[in-house]
N, C-alpha and C. Protein backbone atom coordinates (compact mmCIF):
# COMPACT_ATOMS: atom_id res chain seq x y z
N MET A 1 0.80 -1.19 0.00
CA MET A 1 0.00 0.00 0.00
C MET A 1 0.85 1.26 0.00
N LYS A 2 1.97 1.19 0.61
CA LYS A 2 2.83 2.36 0.65
C LYS A 2 3.28 2.75 -0.76
N LYS A 3 3.44 1.80 -1.60
CA LYS A 3 3.86 2.10 -2.97
C LYS A 3 2.80 2.89 -3.72
N ARG A 4 1.55 2.62 -3.47
CA ARG A 4 0.48 3.35 -4.12
C ARG A 4 0.47 4.82 -3.71
N LYS A 5 0.73 5.09 -2.45
CA LYS A 5 0.75 6.48 -2.00
C LYS A 5 1.86 7.26 -2.70
N LYS A 6 3.00 6.66 -2.84
CA LYS A 6 4.10 7.33 -3.54
C LYS A 6 3.72 7.56 -5.00
N ARG A 7 3.08 6.62 -5.57
CA ARG A 7 2.70 6.73 -6.99
C ARG A 7 1.69 7.86 -7.18
N ARG A 8 0.74 7.99 -6.29
CA ARG A 8 -0.24 9.07 -6.40
C ARG A 8 0.42 10.43 -6.24
N GLY A 9 1.34 10.54 -5.33
CA GLY A 9 2.05 11.80 -5.12
C GLY A 9 2.91 12.17 -6.32
N SER A 10 3.54 11.22 -6.92
CA SER A 10 4.38 11.50 -8.08
C SER A 10 3.51 11.86 -9.28
N ASN A 11 2.32 11.28 -9.36
CA ASN A 11 1.40 11.65 -10.44
C ASN A 11 1.02 13.13 -10.33
N ARG A 12 0.78 13.59 -9.16
CA ARG A 12 0.42 15.00 -8.96
C ARG A 12 1.58 15.91 -9.36
N ARG A 13 2.81 15.52 -8.93
CA ARG A 13 3.98 16.32 -9.29
C ARG A 13 4.18 16.34 -10.81
N GLU A 14 3.99 15.18 -11.42
CA GLU A 14 4.13 15.11 -12.88
C GLU A 14 3.09 15.98 -13.56
N MET A 15 1.87 15.95 -13.08
CA MET A 15 0.80 16.77 -13.67
C MET A 15 1.10 18.26 -13.49
N ILE A 16 1.64 18.63 -12.35
CA ILE A 16 1.99 20.03 -12.09
C ILE A 16 3.12 20.46 -13.01
N CYS A 17 4.12 19.60 -13.18
CA CYS A 17 5.24 19.92 -14.08
C CYS A 17 4.77 20.03 -15.53
N ILE A 18 3.95 19.11 -15.94
CA ILE A 18 3.43 19.16 -17.31
C ILE A 18 2.58 20.42 -17.50
N SER A 19 1.77 20.74 -16.52
CA SER A 19 0.95 21.95 -16.60
C SER A 19 1.82 23.19 -16.69
N ALA A 20 2.89 23.22 -15.92
CA ALA A 20 3.80 24.37 -15.94
C ALA A 20 4.46 24.49 -17.31
N VAL A 21 4.88 23.38 -17.88
CA VAL A 21 5.50 23.40 -19.21
C VAL A 21 4.49 23.89 -20.25
N VAL A 22 3.26 23.43 -20.16
CA VAL A 22 2.23 23.86 -21.09
C VAL A 22 1.98 25.36 -20.96
N VAL A 23 1.93 25.87 -19.76
CA VAL A 23 1.71 27.31 -19.53
C VAL A 23 2.87 28.11 -20.11
N VAL A 24 4.09 27.64 -19.89
CA VAL A 24 5.26 28.34 -20.44
C VAL A 24 5.21 28.33 -21.96
N LEU A 25 4.88 27.21 -22.55
CA LEU A 25 4.77 27.13 -24.01
C LEU A 25 3.67 28.05 -24.54
N MET A 26 2.56 28.13 -23.82
CA MET A 26 1.48 29.03 -24.24
C MET A 26 1.94 30.48 -24.20
N CYS A 27 2.71 30.84 -23.19
CA CYS A 27 3.22 32.21 -23.09
C CYS A 27 4.16 32.51 -24.25
N VAL A 28 5.01 31.58 -24.57
CA VAL A 28 5.95 31.77 -25.68
C VAL A 28 5.19 31.91 -27.00
N VAL A 29 4.22 31.05 -27.22
CA VAL A 29 3.44 31.11 -28.45
C VAL A 29 2.67 32.42 -28.53
N PHE A 30 2.09 32.86 -27.45
CA PHE A 30 1.35 34.13 -27.44
C PHE A 30 2.27 35.30 -27.75
N THR A 31 3.45 35.31 -27.16
CA THR A 31 4.41 36.38 -27.40
C THR A 31 4.84 36.40 -28.87
N GLN A 32 5.15 35.24 -29.39
CA GLN A 32 5.58 35.16 -30.80
C GLN A 32 4.45 35.57 -31.74
N SER A 33 3.24 35.18 -31.43
CA SER A 33 2.12 35.52 -32.31
C SER A 33 1.86 37.02 -32.29
N SER A 34 2.04 37.67 -31.15
CA SER A 34 1.84 39.12 -31.11
C SER A 34 2.94 39.82 -31.90
N ARG A 35 4.16 39.32 -31.84
CA ARG A 35 5.25 39.90 -32.65
C ARG A 35 4.96 39.73 -34.14
N LEU A 36 4.46 38.55 -34.51
CA LEU A 36 4.14 38.31 -35.91
C LEU A 36 3.00 39.20 -36.39
N ARG A 37 2.03 39.46 -35.52
CA ARG A 37 0.94 40.37 -35.89
C ARG A 37 1.47 41.78 -36.14
N GLU A 38 2.39 42.23 -35.30
CA GLU A 38 2.99 43.55 -35.49
C GLU A 38 3.76 43.62 -36.80
N LYS A 39 4.55 42.59 -37.08
CA LYS A 39 5.30 42.55 -38.34
C LYS A 39 4.34 42.55 -39.53
N ASN A 40 3.28 41.77 -39.42
CA ASN A 40 2.31 41.69 -40.50
C ASN A 40 1.65 43.05 -40.74
N ALA A 41 1.34 43.77 -39.69
CA ALA A 41 0.75 45.10 -39.84
C ALA A 41 1.73 46.03 -40.56
N GLY A 42 3.00 45.94 -40.21
CA GLY A 42 4.01 46.75 -40.87
C GLY A 42 4.14 46.39 -42.34
N TYR A 43 4.09 45.11 -42.64
CA TYR A 43 4.17 44.67 -44.03
C TYR A 43 2.94 45.12 -44.82
N GLU A 44 1.77 45.07 -44.20
CA GLU A 44 0.55 45.52 -44.88
C GLU A 44 0.65 47.01 -45.22
N ALA A 45 1.17 47.80 -44.29
CA ALA A 45 1.33 49.24 -44.54
C ALA A 45 2.32 49.45 -45.69
N ARG A 46 3.39 48.70 -45.70
CA ARG A 46 4.39 48.82 -46.76
C ARG A 46 3.79 48.42 -48.11
N ILE A 47 2.95 47.40 -48.13
CA ILE A 47 2.30 46.97 -49.36
C ILE A 47 1.41 48.09 -49.90
N GLU A 48 0.67 48.75 -49.01
CA GLU A 48 -0.18 49.86 -49.44
C GLU A 48 0.65 50.99 -50.03
N GLU A 49 1.77 51.31 -49.39
CA GLU A 49 2.65 52.36 -49.91
C GLU A 49 3.19 51.99 -51.29
N LEU A 50 3.62 50.75 -51.44
CA LEU A 50 4.17 50.31 -52.72
C LEU A 50 3.10 50.29 -53.81
N ASN A 51 1.88 49.90 -53.46
CA ASN A 51 0.80 49.93 -54.44
C ASN A 51 0.50 51.35 -54.89
N ALA A 52 0.56 52.30 -53.96
CA ALA A 52 0.36 53.71 -54.33
C ALA A 52 1.48 54.18 -55.26
N GLU A 53 2.71 53.78 -54.96
CA GLU A 53 3.84 54.14 -55.82
C GLU A 53 3.68 53.53 -57.22
N ILE A 54 3.21 52.29 -57.26
CA ILE A 54 3.00 51.63 -58.55
C ILE A 54 1.97 52.39 -59.36
N ALA A 55 0.89 52.82 -58.71
CA ALA A 55 -0.16 53.57 -59.42
C ALA A 55 0.40 54.88 -59.96
N GLU A 56 1.20 55.58 -59.15
CA GLU A 56 1.80 56.84 -59.59
C GLU A 56 2.73 56.62 -60.77
N GLU A 57 3.53 55.58 -60.69
CA GLU A 57 4.48 55.30 -61.77
C GLU A 57 3.74 54.88 -63.05
N SER A 58 2.62 54.20 -62.91
CA SER A 58 1.83 53.82 -64.09
C SER A 58 1.28 55.06 -64.77
N GLU A 59 0.77 56.00 -63.97
CA GLU A 59 0.28 57.26 -64.53
C GLU A 59 1.41 58.01 -65.22
N ARG A 60 2.55 58.02 -64.60
CA ARG A 60 3.71 58.71 -65.18
C ARG A 60 4.12 58.05 -66.50
N ALA A 61 4.08 56.73 -66.55
CA ALA A 61 4.43 56.02 -67.77
C ALA A 61 3.45 56.36 -68.90
N GLU A 62 2.18 56.49 -68.55
CA GLU A 62 1.18 56.88 -69.55
C GLU A 62 1.46 58.29 -70.07
N GLU A 63 1.80 59.20 -69.17
CA GLU A 63 2.13 60.56 -69.58
C GLU A 63 3.35 60.57 -70.50
N ILE A 64 4.33 59.76 -70.19
CA ILE A 64 5.54 59.69 -71.02
C ILE A 64 5.20 59.14 -72.40
N GLU A 65 4.32 58.15 -72.46
CA GLU A 65 3.92 57.61 -73.75
C GLU A 65 3.19 58.67 -74.57
N GLU A 66 2.32 59.46 -73.93
CA GLU A 66 1.62 60.53 -74.64
C GLU A 66 2.61 61.57 -75.15
N LEU A 67 3.58 61.93 -74.31
CA LEU A 67 4.60 62.89 -74.72
C LEU A 67 5.44 62.34 -75.87
N LYS A 68 5.72 61.06 -75.82
CA LYS A 68 6.51 60.42 -76.87
C LYS A 68 5.78 60.52 -78.21
N GLU A 69 4.47 60.33 -78.19
CA GLU A 69 3.67 60.46 -79.41
C GLU A 69 3.61 61.92 -79.86
N TYR A 70 3.51 62.85 -78.90
CA TYR A 70 3.43 64.27 -79.23
C TYR A 70 4.74 64.77 -79.86
N VAL A 71 5.85 64.24 -79.40
CA VAL A 71 7.15 64.67 -79.92
C VAL A 71 7.26 64.33 -81.41
N LYS A 72 6.59 63.32 -81.87
CA LYS A 72 6.66 62.91 -83.26
C LYS A 72 5.81 63.79 -84.19
N THR A 73 4.98 64.65 -83.64
CA THR A 73 4.08 65.46 -84.46
C THR A 73 4.77 66.72 -84.97
N PRO A 74 4.29 67.28 -86.09
CA PRO A 74 4.87 68.52 -86.61
C PRO A 74 4.60 69.72 -85.71
N GLU A 75 3.53 69.69 -84.93
CA GLU A 75 3.24 70.80 -84.01
C GLU A 75 4.37 70.97 -82.99
N TYR A 76 4.87 69.84 -82.52
CA TYR A 76 5.97 69.90 -81.55
C TYR A 76 7.23 70.48 -82.18
N ALA A 77 7.51 70.07 -83.42
CA ALA A 77 8.71 70.58 -84.11
C ALA A 77 8.60 72.09 -84.29
N GLY A 78 7.40 72.57 -84.67
CA GLY A 78 7.20 74.01 -84.83
C GLY A 78 7.33 74.75 -83.50
N GLU A 79 6.81 74.16 -82.43
CA GLU A 79 6.90 74.79 -81.10
C GLU A 79 8.35 74.91 -80.65
N VAL A 80 9.14 73.87 -80.85
CA VAL A 80 10.55 73.90 -80.46
C VAL A 80 11.30 74.91 -81.32
N ALA A 81 10.98 74.97 -82.62
CA ALA A 81 11.65 75.93 -83.50
C ALA A 81 11.36 77.36 -83.05
N ARG A 82 10.13 77.63 -82.63
CA ARG A 82 9.80 78.98 -82.15
C ARG A 82 10.52 79.30 -80.84
N GLN A 83 10.53 78.36 -79.93
CA GLN A 83 11.10 78.63 -78.60
C GLN A 83 12.62 78.70 -78.64
N LYS A 84 13.25 77.75 -79.24
CA LYS A 84 14.71 77.66 -79.16
C LYS A 84 15.41 78.44 -80.27
N LEU A 85 14.84 78.46 -81.47
CA LEU A 85 15.52 79.10 -82.59
C LEU A 85 14.95 80.47 -82.94
N GLY A 86 13.82 80.82 -82.35
CA GLY A 86 13.22 82.11 -82.62
C GLY A 86 12.60 82.20 -84.00
N MET A 87 12.28 81.10 -84.59
CA MET A 87 11.69 81.09 -85.92
C MET A 87 10.23 81.53 -85.88
N VAL A 88 9.77 82.05 -87.01
CA VAL A 88 8.40 82.53 -87.12
C VAL A 88 7.77 81.81 -88.31
N GLY A 89 6.50 81.47 -88.16
CA GLY A 89 5.79 80.81 -89.24
C GLY A 89 5.56 81.76 -90.41
N GLU A 90 5.17 81.22 -91.56
CA GLU A 90 4.97 82.03 -92.76
C GLU A 90 3.84 83.04 -92.59
N ASP A 91 2.80 82.68 -91.90
CA ASP A 91 1.66 83.57 -91.76
C ASP A 91 1.68 84.36 -90.45
N GLU A 92 2.79 84.39 -89.76
CA GLU A 92 2.90 85.10 -88.48
C GLU A 92 3.68 86.39 -88.67
N ILE A 93 3.35 87.40 -87.85
CA ILE A 93 4.04 88.68 -87.87
C ILE A 93 4.80 88.80 -86.57
N LEU A 94 6.04 89.22 -86.65
CA LEU A 94 6.90 89.35 -85.48
C LEU A 94 7.02 90.81 -85.09
N PHE A 95 6.70 91.14 -83.85
CA PHE A 95 6.83 92.49 -83.32
C PHE A 95 7.98 92.48 -82.32
N ARG A 96 8.90 93.43 -82.46
CA ARG A 96 10.01 93.53 -81.51
C ARG A 96 9.95 94.90 -80.85
N SER A 97 10.33 94.91 -79.61
CA SER A 97 10.38 96.20 -78.92
C SER A 97 11.83 96.68 -78.87
N ASP A 98 12.03 97.98 -78.76
CA ASP A 98 13.37 98.56 -78.76
C ASP A 98 13.98 98.63 -77.36
N ASP A 99 13.34 98.11 -76.39
CA ASP A 99 13.84 98.19 -74.99
C ASP A 99 15.08 97.47 -74.87
């Protein structure tokens, strides 16, 4: 009978040790999961920022394509000739001031 009493007492100690290990593991898992949630929130914010940048760059690429097409037109060549070379069209009159 004495052996049974020892066995019951050791069962309680084992259960307490196992419970303590489980509690410690739960604390570790909870801590790690909260860290992962914080990282995930940071990554989500970064994704939103990058998506906004992508949208801006897409708009810019469209503008560049439009400008690329405009550069090929004769209107652009005439505009550059007027601005940089001071040329005047055939049907235009040039007025200069003496200042």
